[in-house]
């Protein structure tokens, strides 16, 4: 997605829903952003990231996706992967993204919704007040990736997860045979990727 953002040296990036921090850390190492900020609702996740991912220009902060703790026009790029479905207001989140993006800035999002509710994802994007530059269904890609990585994920779960948690982690990881995997394979759940520009 970042290749579509016309990334230039010295830009500032925000990841909303940074979780355990790996994406922001990787982006800061591989691209020429002046700063990368990861925001997550979970303070323990933020503490973990600040302890384990130390790079100049990389920070993690606690905050709410529908009330971003940043000034207007603060970021050149905002990314969001696999967390928007959990927000209290998707339209409120998009409004906040538009507010903190600089003019000409890019917003990239990838997430899934039930097929019967996919318009609850696509329509707010179209009505966000930002230019929708790309909207692509990537469900087949997700199914392929889950298939190829299933054995590795299953092995890690077997090695590191206590017995009574294993089934929960398999669902979360989307390993072969789980309801999560079947939902994507049958397209009961649709995975989308979008790029917008302010």
N, C-alpha and C. Protein backbone atom coordinates (compact mmCIF):
# COMPACT_ATOMS: atom_id res chain seq x y z
N UNK A 1 0.82 -1.20 0.00
CA UNK A 1 0.00 0.00 0.00
C UNK A 1 0.86 1.25 0.00
N UNK A 2 1.98 1.20 0.73
CA UNK A 2 2.80 2.40 0.86
C UNK A 2 3.38 2.86 -0.47
N UNK A 3 3.58 1.93 -1.39
CA UNK A 3 4.12 2.33 -2.70
C UNK A 3 3.16 3.26 -3.45
N UNK A 4 1.90 3.24 -3.06
CA UNK A 4 0.90 4.10 -3.71
C UNK A 4 0.82 5.48 -3.05
N UNK A 5 1.62 5.71 -2.02
CA UNK A 5 1.51 6.95 -1.25
C UNK A 5 2.48 8.03 -1.69
N UNK A 6 3.24 7.77 -2.76
CA UNK A 6 4.21 8.75 -3.23
C UNK A 6 5.12 9.18 -2.08
N UNK A 7 5.68 8.18 -1.38
CA UNK A 7 6.51 8.43 -0.21
C UNK A 7 7.78 9.16 -0.61
N UNK A 8 8.06 10.24 0.12
CA UNK A 8 9.29 11.01 -0.08
C UNK A 8 10.01 11.15 1.25
N UNK A 9 11.29 11.34 1.18
CA UNK A 9 12.10 11.48 2.39
C UNK A 9 11.59 12.63 3.25
N UNK A 10 11.55 12.41 4.55
CA UNK A 10 11.15 13.46 5.47
C UNK A 10 9.68 13.50 5.83
N UNK A 11 8.88 12.60 5.27
CA UNK A 11 7.45 12.56 5.60
C UNK A 11 7.22 11.97 7.00
N UNK A 12 6.03 12.25 7.53
CA UNK A 12 5.62 11.73 8.83
C UNK A 12 4.46 10.76 8.65
N UNK A 13 4.56 9.59 9.28
CA UNK A 13 3.56 8.53 9.14
C UNK A 13 2.91 8.22 10.48
N UNK A 14 1.61 7.95 10.43
CA UNK A 14 0.86 7.49 11.59
C UNK A 14 0.21 6.16 11.27
N UNK A 15 0.41 5.18 12.15
CA UNK A 15 -0.36 3.93 12.05
C UNK A 15 -1.38 3.92 13.18
N UNK A 16 -2.65 3.85 12.83
CA UNK A 16 -3.71 3.76 13.83
C UNK A 16 -4.04 2.28 14.01
N UNK A 17 -3.99 1.81 15.26
CA UNK A 17 -4.17 0.40 15.54
C UNK A 17 -2.85 -0.34 15.37
N UNK A 18 -1.81 0.15 16.03
CA UNK A 18 -0.47 -0.40 15.82
C UNK A 18 -0.21 -1.71 16.55
N UNK A 19 -1.09 -2.09 17.47
CA UNK A 19 -0.97 -3.39 18.12
C UNK A 19 0.38 -3.58 18.78
N UNK A 20 1.05 -4.68 18.45
CA UNK A 20 2.34 -5.00 19.07
C UNK A 20 3.53 -4.40 18.31
N UNK A 21 3.25 -3.50 17.35
CA UNK A 21 4.27 -2.60 16.85
C UNK A 21 5.13 -3.02 15.68
N UNK A 22 4.99 -4.25 15.21
CA UNK A 22 5.88 -4.74 14.17
C UNK A 22 5.81 -3.99 12.86
N UNK A 23 4.61 -3.58 12.46
CA UNK A 23 4.47 -2.88 11.17
C UNK A 23 5.18 -1.54 11.19
N UNK A 24 4.93 -0.75 12.22
CA UNK A 24 5.55 0.58 12.31
C UNK A 24 7.08 0.46 12.36
N UNK A 25 7.55 -0.51 13.11
CA UNK A 25 9.00 -0.73 13.23
C UNK A 25 9.60 -1.08 11.87
N UNK A 26 8.95 -1.97 11.14
CA UNK A 26 9.44 -2.38 9.82
C UNK A 26 9.41 -1.22 8.84
N UNK A 27 8.32 -0.45 8.86
CA UNK A 27 8.21 0.70 7.96
C UNK A 27 9.31 1.72 8.23
N UNK A 28 9.58 2.00 9.50
CA UNK A 28 10.61 2.99 9.84
C UNK A 28 11.98 2.53 9.38
N UNK A 29 12.24 1.23 9.42
CA UNK A 29 13.53 0.68 9.00
C UNK A 29 13.68 0.68 7.47
N UNK A 30 12.58 0.50 6.74
CA UNK A 30 12.67 0.27 5.30
C UNK A 30 12.34 1.49 4.44
N UNK A 31 11.73 2.51 5.03
CA UNK A 31 11.37 3.71 4.28
C UNK A 31 12.06 4.92 4.90
N UNK A 32 11.98 6.05 4.22
CA UNK A 32 12.72 7.25 4.64
C UNK A 32 11.84 8.25 5.39
N UNK A 33 10.89 7.76 6.17
CA UNK A 33 10.05 8.66 6.95
C UNK A 33 10.87 9.35 8.04
N UNK A 34 10.61 10.65 8.23
CA UNK A 34 11.26 11.37 9.32
C UNK A 34 10.78 10.83 10.66
N UNK A 35 9.48 10.52 10.72
CA UNK A 35 8.94 9.96 11.95
C UNK A 35 7.83 8.97 11.63
N UNK A 36 7.73 7.97 12.48
CA UNK A 36 6.63 7.00 12.43
C UNK A 36 6.04 6.93 13.83
N UNK A 37 4.73 7.11 13.90
CA UNK A 37 4.02 7.06 15.17
C UNK A 37 3.00 5.95 15.12
N UNK A 38 3.04 5.07 16.10
CA UNK A 38 2.03 4.02 16.22
C UNK A 38 1.07 4.39 17.34
N UNK A 39 -0.22 4.35 17.04
CA UNK A 39 -1.24 4.64 18.06
C UNK A 39 -2.06 3.40 18.30
N UNK A 40 -2.28 3.06 19.56
CA UNK A 40 -3.13 1.93 19.90
C UNK A 40 -3.94 2.25 21.15
N UNK A 41 -5.12 1.64 21.25
CA UNK A 41 -6.01 1.88 22.39
C UNK A 41 -5.47 1.22 23.67
N UNK A 42 -4.68 0.18 23.50
CA UNK A 42 -4.18 -0.61 24.64
C UNK A 42 -2.88 -0.04 25.18
N UNK A 43 -2.90 0.43 26.41
CA UNK A 43 -1.68 0.95 27.03
C UNK A 43 -0.62 -0.13 27.19
N UNK A 44 -0.98 -1.38 27.60
CA UNK A 44 0.06 -2.42 27.67
C UNK A 44 0.74 -2.67 26.32
N UNK A 45 -0.01 -2.62 25.22
CA UNK A 45 0.59 -2.79 23.90
C UNK A 45 1.56 -1.66 23.60
N UNK A 46 1.16 -0.43 23.92
CA UNK A 46 2.02 0.74 23.71
C UNK A 46 3.30 0.61 24.54
N UNK A 47 3.16 0.20 25.81
CA UNK A 47 4.34 0.02 26.68
C UNK A 47 5.27 -1.04 26.11
N UNK A 48 4.71 -2.14 25.62
CA UNK A 48 5.51 -3.22 25.01
C UNK A 48 6.31 -2.68 23.83
N UNK A 49 5.64 -1.92 22.96
CA UNK A 49 6.28 -1.39 21.76
C UNK A 49 7.41 -0.43 22.10
N UNK A 50 7.16 0.50 23.03
CA UNK A 50 8.18 1.47 23.39
C UNK A 50 9.39 0.82 24.05
N UNK A 51 9.16 -0.32 24.71
CA UNK A 51 10.26 -1.05 25.34
C UNK A 51 11.06 -1.87 24.33
N UNK A 52 10.38 -2.46 23.34
CA UNK A 52 11.02 -3.44 22.46
C UNK A 52 11.40 -2.92 21.08
N UNK A 53 10.83 -1.78 20.66
CA UNK A 53 11.14 -1.25 19.33
C UNK A 53 11.70 0.16 19.48
N UNK A 54 12.99 0.24 19.52
CA UNK A 54 13.65 1.53 19.75
C UNK A 54 14.40 1.95 18.49
N UNK A 55 13.89 2.97 17.83
CA UNK A 55 14.56 3.58 16.68
C UNK A 55 14.36 5.08 16.77
N UNK A 56 15.32 5.82 16.31
CA UNK A 56 15.16 7.27 16.27
C UNK A 56 13.99 7.62 15.35
N UNK A 57 13.09 8.46 15.84
CA UNK A 57 11.94 8.88 15.04
C UNK A 57 10.77 7.93 15.11
N UNK A 58 10.84 6.90 15.96
CA UNK A 58 9.75 5.93 16.11
C UNK A 58 9.18 6.03 17.52
N UNK A 59 7.88 6.30 17.63
CA UNK A 59 7.23 6.38 18.94
C UNK A 59 5.87 5.69 18.88
N UNK A 60 5.42 5.25 20.04
CA UNK A 60 4.11 4.63 20.18
C UNK A 60 3.35 5.37 21.27
N UNK A 61 2.07 5.66 21.01
CA UNK A 61 1.26 6.41 21.97
C UNK A 61 -0.10 5.73 22.14
N UNK A 62 -0.69 5.95 23.29
CA UNK A 62 -2.03 5.42 23.56
C UNK A 62 -3.05 6.45 23.09
N UNK A 63 -4.14 5.97 22.49
CA UNK A 63 -5.18 6.89 22.06
C UNK A 63 -6.35 6.17 21.41
N UNK A 64 -7.39 6.94 21.13
CA UNK A 64 -8.63 6.42 20.57
C UNK A 64 -8.71 6.79 19.10
N UNK A 65 -9.02 5.81 18.26
CA UNK A 65 -9.06 6.02 16.81
C UNK A 65 -10.12 7.04 16.39
N UNK A 66 -11.14 7.23 17.19
CA UNK A 66 -12.19 8.19 16.83
C UNK A 66 -12.01 9.53 17.53
N UNK A 67 -10.89 9.70 18.22
CA UNK A 67 -10.53 10.99 18.84
C UNK A 67 -9.01 11.07 18.88
N UNK A 68 -8.40 11.16 17.70
CA UNK A 68 -6.94 11.09 17.61
C UNK A 68 -6.27 12.26 18.34
N UNK A 69 -5.28 11.98 19.19
CA UNK A 69 -4.65 13.04 20.01
C UNK A 69 -3.55 13.80 19.28
N UNK A 70 -3.87 14.29 18.08
CA UNK A 70 -2.89 15.00 17.27
C UNK A 70 -3.51 16.26 16.69
N UNK A 71 -2.63 17.21 16.36
CA UNK A 71 -3.09 18.47 15.76
C UNK A 71 -3.56 18.22 14.32
N UNK A 72 -4.36 19.13 13.80
CA UNK A 72 -4.77 19.09 12.40
C UNK A 72 -3.52 19.10 11.51
N UNK A 73 -3.62 18.43 10.35
CA UNK A 73 -2.56 18.48 9.33
C UNK A 73 -1.19 18.07 9.87
N UNK A 74 -1.15 16.97 10.62
CA UNK A 74 0.09 16.53 11.26
C UNK A 74 0.87 15.49 10.48
N UNK A 75 0.19 14.71 9.63
CA UNK A 75 0.83 13.54 9.01
C UNK A 75 0.68 13.56 7.49
N UNK A 76 1.72 13.03 6.83
CA UNK A 76 1.68 12.88 5.37
C UNK A 76 1.01 11.58 4.97
N UNK A 77 1.11 10.56 5.83
CA UNK A 77 0.56 9.24 5.54
C UNK A 77 -0.08 8.69 6.82
N UNK A 78 -1.28 8.13 6.67
CA UNK A 78 -1.94 7.40 7.77
C UNK A 78 -2.26 6.01 7.24
N UNK A 79 -1.92 4.98 8.02
CA UNK A 79 -2.26 3.61 7.64
C UNK A 79 -3.08 2.96 8.74
N UNK A 80 -3.89 1.97 8.33
CA UNK A 80 -4.75 1.26 9.26
C UNK A 80 -4.99 -0.14 8.70
N UNK A 81 -4.58 -1.16 9.46
CA UNK A 81 -4.69 -2.54 9.00
C UNK A 81 -5.40 -3.39 10.05
N UNK A 82 -6.50 -3.98 9.64
CA UNK A 82 -7.21 -5.00 10.43
C UNK A 82 -7.64 -4.55 11.82
N UNK A 83 -8.08 -3.31 11.97
CA UNK A 83 -8.63 -2.92 13.27
C UNK A 83 -9.86 -2.03 13.16
N UNK A 84 -10.16 -1.47 11.99
CA UNK A 84 -11.27 -0.51 11.87
C UNK A 84 -12.62 -1.15 12.17
N UNK A 85 -12.73 -2.46 12.00
CA UNK A 85 -14.00 -3.14 12.28
C UNK A 85 -14.37 -3.07 13.76
N UNK A 86 -13.40 -2.77 14.62
CA UNK A 86 -13.64 -2.76 16.07
C UNK A 86 -13.92 -1.36 16.62
N UNK A 87 -13.89 -0.33 15.78
CA UNK A 87 -14.05 1.03 16.28
C UNK A 87 -15.52 1.34 16.55
N UNK A 88 -15.74 2.25 17.49
CA UNK A 88 -17.10 2.62 17.84
C UNK A 88 -17.81 3.36 16.71
N UNK A 89 -17.04 4.03 15.85
CA UNK A 89 -17.62 4.75 14.71
C UNK A 89 -16.62 4.76 13.56
N UNK A 90 -16.94 4.03 12.49
CA UNK A 90 -16.05 4.02 11.33
C UNK A 90 -16.03 5.40 10.66
N UNK A 91 -17.20 6.03 10.53
CA UNK A 91 -17.24 7.36 9.92
C UNK A 91 -16.51 8.38 10.79
N UNK A 92 -16.62 8.24 12.12
CA UNK A 92 -15.88 9.13 13.02
C UNK A 92 -14.38 8.96 12.86
N UNK A 93 -13.95 7.72 12.68
CA UNK A 93 -12.53 7.44 12.45
C UNK A 93 -12.06 8.10 11.15
N UNK A 94 -12.83 7.95 10.08
CA UNK A 94 -12.44 8.55 8.80
C UNK A 94 -12.37 10.07 8.89
N UNK A 95 -13.27 10.66 9.65
CA UNK A 95 -13.25 12.11 9.84
C UNK A 95 -11.97 12.54 10.56
N UNK A 96 -11.56 11.76 11.55
CA UNK A 96 -10.32 12.05 12.27
C UNK A 96 -9.09 11.88 11.38
N UNK A 97 -9.10 10.85 10.55
CA UNK A 97 -7.99 10.64 9.61
C UNK A 97 -7.86 11.85 8.69
N UNK A 98 -8.97 12.28 8.14
CA UNK A 98 -8.95 13.46 7.25
C UNK A 98 -8.42 14.68 7.98
N UNK A 99 -8.81 14.84 9.23
CA UNK A 99 -8.38 16.01 10.01
C UNK A 99 -6.86 16.03 10.23
N UNK A 100 -6.27 14.87 10.58
CA UNK A 100 -4.84 14.86 10.91
C UNK A 100 -3.94 14.75 9.69
N UNK A 101 -4.51 14.40 8.52
CA UNK A 101 -3.71 14.34 7.29
C UNK A 101 -3.41 15.74 6.77
N UNK A 102 -2.20 15.91 6.28
CA UNK A 102 -1.86 17.15 5.59
C UNK A 102 -2.55 17.18 4.22
N UNK A 103 -2.81 18.34 3.67
CA UNK A 103 -3.33 18.41 2.31
C UNK A 103 -2.41 17.64 1.36
N UNK A 104 -2.99 16.79 0.53
CA UNK A 104 -2.21 15.95 -0.36
C UNK A 104 -1.74 14.65 0.27
N UNK A 105 -2.02 14.48 1.57
CA UNK A 105 -1.61 13.28 2.28
C UNK A 105 -2.44 12.07 1.89
N UNK A 106 -1.89 10.88 2.15
CA UNK A 106 -2.54 9.63 1.77
C UNK A 106 -2.97 8.82 2.98
N UNK A 107 -4.10 8.15 2.82
CA UNK A 107 -4.63 7.22 3.83
C UNK A 107 -4.76 5.85 3.19
N UNK A 108 -4.18 4.85 3.83
CA UNK A 108 -4.28 3.47 3.35
C UNK A 108 -4.94 2.62 4.41
N UNK A 109 -5.88 1.79 3.99
CA UNK A 109 -6.60 0.93 4.92
C UNK A 109 -6.81 -0.45 4.30
N UNK A 110 -6.71 -1.47 5.14
CA UNK A 110 -7.01 -2.84 4.73
C UNK A 110 -7.75 -3.50 5.89
N UNK A 111 -8.92 -4.06 5.59
CA UNK A 111 -9.71 -4.70 6.64
C UNK A 111 -10.82 -5.52 5.99
N UNK A 112 -11.51 -6.29 6.82
CA UNK A 112 -12.58 -7.15 6.30
C UNK A 112 -13.91 -6.82 6.95
N UNK A 113 -14.96 -7.22 6.25
CA UNK A 113 -16.33 -7.12 6.75
C UNK A 113 -17.09 -8.34 6.23
N UNK A 114 -18.19 -8.67 6.88
CA UNK A 114 -19.07 -9.69 6.34
C UNK A 114 -19.55 -9.23 4.96
N UNK A 115 -19.67 -10.17 4.03
CA UNK A 115 -20.06 -9.81 2.66
C UNK A 115 -21.39 -9.06 2.65
N UNK A 116 -22.30 -9.47 3.51
CA UNK A 116 -23.62 -8.84 3.56
C UNK A 116 -23.56 -7.40 4.07
N UNK A 117 -22.42 -7.02 4.67
CA UNK A 117 -22.29 -5.68 5.25
C UNK A 117 -21.14 -4.89 4.64
N UNK A 118 -20.66 -5.32 3.48
CA UNK A 118 -19.47 -4.70 2.91
C UNK A 118 -19.69 -3.23 2.56
N UNK A 119 -20.93 -2.85 2.26
CA UNK A 119 -21.20 -1.44 1.95
C UNK A 119 -20.99 -0.54 3.16
N UNK A 120 -21.06 -1.11 4.36
CA UNK A 120 -20.77 -0.32 5.57
C UNK A 120 -19.29 0.06 5.64
N UNK A 121 -18.48 -0.61 4.84
CA UNK A 121 -17.06 -0.26 4.72
C UNK A 121 -16.82 0.64 3.50
N UNK A 122 -17.36 0.25 2.35
CA UNK A 122 -17.04 0.97 1.11
C UNK A 122 -17.73 2.34 1.01
N UNK A 123 -18.98 2.43 1.42
CA UNK A 123 -19.70 3.70 1.26
C UNK A 123 -19.11 4.82 2.10
N UNK A 124 -18.78 4.59 3.39
CA UNK A 124 -18.14 5.67 4.15
C UNK A 124 -16.82 6.14 3.54
N UNK A 125 -16.08 5.23 2.92
CA UNK A 125 -14.85 5.64 2.24
C UNK A 125 -15.16 6.60 1.11
N UNK A 126 -16.19 6.27 0.32
CA UNK A 126 -16.57 7.11 -0.81
C UNK A 126 -17.09 8.47 -0.37
N UNK A 127 -17.66 8.52 0.84
CA UNK A 127 -18.28 9.75 1.34
C UNK A 127 -17.41 10.47 2.37
N UNK A 128 -16.14 10.10 2.46
CA UNK A 128 -15.25 10.61 3.52
C UNK A 128 -14.77 12.04 3.29
N UNK A 129 -14.95 12.55 2.06
CA UNK A 129 -14.40 13.85 1.75
C UNK A 129 -12.96 13.78 1.26
N UNK A 130 -12.43 12.56 1.20
CA UNK A 130 -11.11 12.33 0.61
C UNK A 130 -11.31 11.66 -0.75
N UNK A 131 -10.33 11.82 -1.62
CA UNK A 131 -10.41 11.20 -2.95
C UNK A 131 -10.09 9.71 -2.84
N UNK A 132 -11.04 8.88 -3.25
CA UNK A 132 -10.82 7.44 -3.24
C UNK A 132 -10.06 7.06 -4.50
N UNK A 133 -8.77 6.75 -4.35
CA UNK A 133 -7.90 6.51 -5.50
C UNK A 133 -7.85 5.03 -5.88
N UNK A 134 -8.11 4.15 -4.93
CA UNK A 134 -8.05 2.72 -5.22
C UNK A 134 -8.89 1.98 -4.19
N UNK A 135 -9.73 1.07 -4.66
CA UNK A 135 -10.53 0.22 -3.79
C UNK A 135 -10.52 -1.17 -4.40
N UNK A 136 -9.89 -2.11 -3.71
CA UNK A 136 -9.65 -3.43 -4.29
C UNK A 136 -10.02 -4.52 -3.31
N UNK A 137 -10.74 -5.53 -3.81
CA UNK A 137 -10.96 -6.71 -2.98
C UNK A 137 -9.73 -7.60 -3.05
N UNK A 138 -9.22 -7.98 -1.89
CA UNK A 138 -8.01 -8.81 -1.84
C UNK A 138 -8.27 -10.14 -1.12
N UNK A 139 -9.54 -10.55 -1.05
CA UNK A 139 -9.86 -11.81 -0.38
C UNK A 139 -9.07 -12.99 -0.93
N UNK A 140 -8.96 -13.17 -2.27
CA UNK A 140 -8.17 -14.31 -2.77
C UNK A 140 -6.72 -14.28 -2.31
N UNK A 141 -6.14 -13.08 -2.23
CA UNK A 141 -4.77 -12.95 -1.74
C UNK A 141 -4.66 -13.40 -0.29
N UNK A 142 -5.66 -13.00 0.51
CA UNK A 142 -5.67 -13.37 1.93
C UNK A 142 -5.79 -14.88 2.09
N UNK A 143 -6.68 -15.50 1.32
CA UNK A 143 -6.85 -16.96 1.39
C UNK A 143 -5.54 -17.66 1.01
N UNK A 144 -4.89 -17.17 -0.03
CA UNK A 144 -3.62 -17.76 -0.46
C UNK A 144 -2.56 -17.62 0.63
N UNK A 145 -2.47 -16.44 1.22
CA UNK A 145 -1.48 -16.21 2.28
C UNK A 145 -1.76 -17.08 3.50
N UNK A 146 -3.03 -17.17 3.91
CA UNK A 146 -3.38 -18.00 5.06
C UNK A 146 -3.05 -19.47 4.79
N UNK A 147 -3.30 -19.92 3.57
CA UNK A 147 -3.00 -21.30 3.20
C UNK A 147 -1.51 -21.57 3.29
N UNK A 148 -0.72 -20.68 2.70
CA UNK A 148 0.73 -20.87 2.67
C UNK A 148 1.35 -20.79 4.06
N UNK A 149 0.75 -20.02 4.97
CA UNK A 149 1.35 -19.80 6.29
C UNK A 149 0.70 -20.63 7.38
N UNK A 150 -0.28 -21.45 7.04
CA UNK A 150 -1.04 -22.18 8.05
C UNK A 150 -0.18 -23.13 8.87
N UNK A 151 0.69 -23.87 8.22
CA UNK A 151 1.52 -24.85 8.93
C UNK A 151 2.44 -24.17 9.95
N UNK A 152 3.05 -23.07 9.55
CA UNK A 152 3.94 -22.34 10.47
C UNK A 152 3.17 -21.80 11.67
N UNK A 153 2.01 -21.20 11.41
CA UNK A 153 1.20 -20.66 12.49
C UNK A 153 0.73 -21.76 13.44
N UNK A 154 0.30 -22.88 12.87
CA UNK A 154 -0.17 -24.01 13.70
C UNK A 154 0.96 -24.53 14.59
N UNK A 155 2.16 -24.61 14.04
CA UNK A 155 3.31 -25.09 14.81
C UNK A 155 3.61 -24.15 15.98
N UNK A 156 3.57 -22.85 15.72
CA UNK A 156 3.83 -21.88 16.78
C UNK A 156 2.78 -21.96 17.88
N UNK A 157 1.53 -22.14 17.48
CA UNK A 157 0.46 -22.27 18.47
C UNK A 157 0.65 -23.52 19.30
N UNK A 158 1.00 -24.62 18.67
CA UNK A 158 1.23 -25.87 19.40
C UNK A 158 2.38 -25.73 20.40
N UNK A 159 3.42 -25.01 20.02
CA UNK A 159 4.60 -24.86 20.88
C UNK A 159 4.39 -23.90 22.03
N UNK A 160 3.62 -22.82 21.81
CA UNK A 160 3.63 -21.71 22.77
C UNK A 160 2.31 -21.42 23.48
N UNK A 161 1.22 -22.03 23.05
CA UNK A 161 -0.09 -21.68 23.61
C UNK A 161 -0.61 -22.82 24.49
N UNK A 162 -1.05 -22.49 25.72
CA UNK A 162 -1.63 -23.53 26.60
C UNK A 162 -2.83 -24.21 25.93
N UNK A 163 -3.03 -25.48 26.26
CA UNK A 163 -4.03 -26.32 25.60
C UNK A 163 -5.40 -25.71 25.44
N UNK A 164 -5.96 -25.13 26.48
CA UNK A 164 -7.32 -24.63 26.41
C UNK A 164 -7.45 -23.32 25.64
N UNK A 165 -6.32 -22.69 25.26
CA UNK A 165 -6.35 -21.49 24.43
C UNK A 165 -6.10 -21.78 22.94
N UNK A 166 -5.66 -22.99 22.63
CA UNK A 166 -5.22 -23.30 21.27
C UNK A 166 -6.30 -23.02 20.22
N UNK A 167 -7.53 -23.43 20.48
CA UNK A 167 -8.58 -23.26 19.47
C UNK A 167 -8.86 -21.78 19.21
N UNK A 168 -8.81 -20.97 20.26
CA UNK A 168 -9.01 -19.53 20.10
C UNK A 168 -7.91 -18.94 19.22
N UNK A 169 -6.66 -19.32 19.48
CA UNK A 169 -5.54 -18.79 18.71
C UNK A 169 -5.58 -19.27 17.26
N UNK A 170 -6.03 -20.51 17.04
CA UNK A 170 -6.16 -21.00 15.66
C UNK A 170 -7.16 -20.15 14.89
N UNK A 171 -8.28 -19.83 15.52
CA UNK A 171 -9.28 -18.97 14.87
C UNK A 171 -8.69 -17.60 14.57
N UNK A 172 -8.01 -17.03 15.54
CA UNK A 172 -7.41 -15.70 15.37
C UNK A 172 -6.39 -15.72 14.23
N UNK A 173 -5.63 -16.81 14.13
CA UNK A 173 -4.60 -16.93 13.10
C UNK A 173 -5.15 -17.36 11.75
N UNK A 174 -6.40 -17.80 11.70
CA UNK A 174 -7.01 -18.20 10.43
C UNK A 174 -6.36 -19.43 9.81
N UNK A 175 -5.98 -20.39 10.65
CA UNK A 175 -5.34 -21.59 10.10
C UNK A 175 -6.37 -22.44 9.35
N UNK A 176 -5.87 -23.34 8.51
CA UNK A 176 -6.74 -24.18 7.69
C UNK A 176 -7.75 -24.92 8.56
N UNK A 177 -9.00 -24.95 8.09
CA UNK A 177 -10.06 -25.67 8.78
C UNK A 177 -10.83 -24.85 9.79
N UNK A 178 -10.33 -23.67 10.16
CA UNK A 178 -11.04 -22.84 11.13
C UNK A 178 -12.19 -22.11 10.45
N UNK A 179 -13.13 -21.65 11.26
CA UNK A 179 -14.25 -20.87 10.73
C UNK A 179 -13.75 -19.58 10.07
N UNK A 180 -12.71 -18.99 10.65
CA UNK A 180 -12.13 -17.77 10.06
C UNK A 180 -11.67 -18.03 8.64
N UNK A 181 -10.92 -19.10 8.45
CA UNK A 181 -10.43 -19.44 7.11
C UNK A 181 -11.60 -19.74 6.17
N UNK A 182 -12.57 -20.53 6.64
CA UNK A 182 -13.71 -20.89 5.80
C UNK A 182 -14.52 -19.66 5.39
N UNK A 183 -14.63 -18.68 6.29
CA UNK A 183 -15.37 -17.46 5.96
C UNK A 183 -14.73 -16.71 4.81
N UNK A 184 -13.40 -16.64 4.79
CA UNK A 184 -12.71 -15.99 3.67
C UNK A 184 -12.78 -16.84 2.41
N UNK A 185 -12.57 -18.15 2.56
CA UNK A 185 -12.57 -19.04 1.40
C UNK A 185 -13.91 -19.03 0.69
N UNK A 186 -15.00 -18.97 1.46
CA UNK A 186 -16.35 -18.97 0.87
C UNK A 186 -16.82 -17.57 0.49
N UNK A 187 -16.00 -16.57 0.83
CA UNK A 187 -16.34 -15.16 0.62
C UNK A 187 -17.54 -14.73 1.43
N UNK A 188 -17.81 -15.43 2.53
CA UNK A 188 -18.79 -14.93 3.50
C UNK A 188 -18.25 -13.65 4.13
N UNK A 189 -16.93 -13.60 4.26
CA UNK A 189 -16.24 -12.40 4.73
C UNK A 189 -15.34 -11.90 3.61
N UNK A 190 -15.41 -10.59 3.36
CA UNK A 190 -14.68 -9.97 2.26
C UNK A 190 -13.56 -9.10 2.83
N UNK A 191 -12.39 -9.17 2.22
CA UNK A 191 -11.24 -8.38 2.64
C UNK A 191 -10.97 -7.32 1.58
N UNK A 192 -10.89 -6.06 2.00
CA UNK A 192 -10.71 -4.95 1.08
C UNK A 192 -9.45 -4.16 1.41
N UNK A 193 -8.92 -3.53 0.39
CA UNK A 193 -7.80 -2.58 0.54
C UNK A 193 -8.17 -1.30 -0.19
N UNK A 194 -7.84 -0.15 0.43
CA UNK A 194 -8.18 1.11 -0.19
C UNK A 194 -7.09 2.14 0.04
N UNK A 195 -6.95 3.05 -0.92
CA UNK A 195 -6.04 4.17 -0.83
C UNK A 195 -6.83 5.44 -1.11
N UNK A 196 -6.73 6.42 -0.20
CA UNK A 196 -7.42 7.69 -0.35
C UNK A 196 -6.41 8.82 -0.26
N UNK A 197 -6.77 9.97 -0.82
CA UNK A 197 -5.90 11.14 -0.78
C UNK A 197 -6.70 12.36 -0.33
N UNK A 198 -6.14 13.12 0.57
CA UNK A 198 -6.81 14.34 1.04
C UNK A 198 -6.58 15.47 0.05
